[in-house]
Amino acid sequence: KMAGSSAPWIGSAYLFLQSTCETIVLPSLYESSQKKPSVFKALKLALADSTGSVNGVDMLKVHCSHPHLIVQLKFCKQENCRRFLRSYREGALQQSLQNHLQLSLATTTVPLEMELKAGNEHLDNMLKDEDRCVECIYREKPDRLRDEEITELEECLKSLMVHQSINNNMAVKDCASLNSPSLPYPSQGSSLSPQVTFIFQGQEFANRMLTPDDHQKFAKLVSKKWKQVGRSLQKSCRALRDPVIDNLALEYDREGLYEQAYQLLLRFIQSEGKKATIARLIAALEENGLISLAEELLGLHSNEDCS
């Protein structure tokens, strides 16, 4: 036990998953409104197998970072964390997930590669030292609450379990219909409405959701500072925490700065939905001295050109 504290034992880790079969791309399957519930179901059941309990480990977020599916995990009991680590080390989790994916997706075998990280530590390199792995996971506290999407999928899965007698394909279709494919913006209650206006350089501007034109201008003009802007946005957007930004940098290194910046803002828009507003992006640009780009997005340059 971690000594001297009456606080609950809580830790966090990231599970990286990649299919070694070229025809099965896990992030693409998870991004599909039809297949997402099936992939989620397989993840949930495999994690339950690994700890011996449906609530042994909580999924907070599933990131699609091609070619990886990255699952952010939260452990609330050290015993469950240890069970998970043993299952992972012995290959039982991998085998379980492969089996559940095969059943859920009604496909042939789904060969997987797995990697486990806690912060900057690659736990695969120290699996024989269970205490050290547990300590690394304990040091990493979860930085987010569970995503609304995960909660919705959990509810969906519960209703599936209740109707086990229903044909599997039909049940998955029913489940998918609950998770409307109106991407990238989730439905939000009016209580979450962003402010109507904001001030930039003493002028008042209407706040609005980011547009495809904003997206392209940002990607084209932000250049090497895209990471700094990402870290400013991450203060209020936990989907952009450092591992995600660093992964984008590596993943789109060959495509160059435009694609890296484009993918960064895409993650922001997808995770924040209607709350991905121009005001938040302008504030992040200001914080990093990118005033000219902020002016460009607000149409100030084109106004000057026309005058």
Foldseek 3Di string as FASTA:
>chain_A
DPPDDPDFQKFKKKKKKAFPDPVDQPLVLCLDLLRVLLLLLLLQVLLCVQQVHSVQKDWQDWDRQPSITMTMIMGRHLSSVLSNLVCVLVCVSQVSSQVSSCVSVVHPTGHMDMWMGQVPDGCVVPSVPSVVVSVSRSVRGDPDGHAPVSVLSVVLVVVCVVPVVPDSSVSSNVSSVSVDSPPLADDDDPVPADDQWDDDPRDIDGKFADDPVLLQLCLVPVAPCLLQLLVLLCVVPVLSPVVNLVSLCVSCVVVHSSSSSSVSLVSVCSRCHRNRILVSSLVSCVVVVNNVSNCVSRVNVVVVVVD
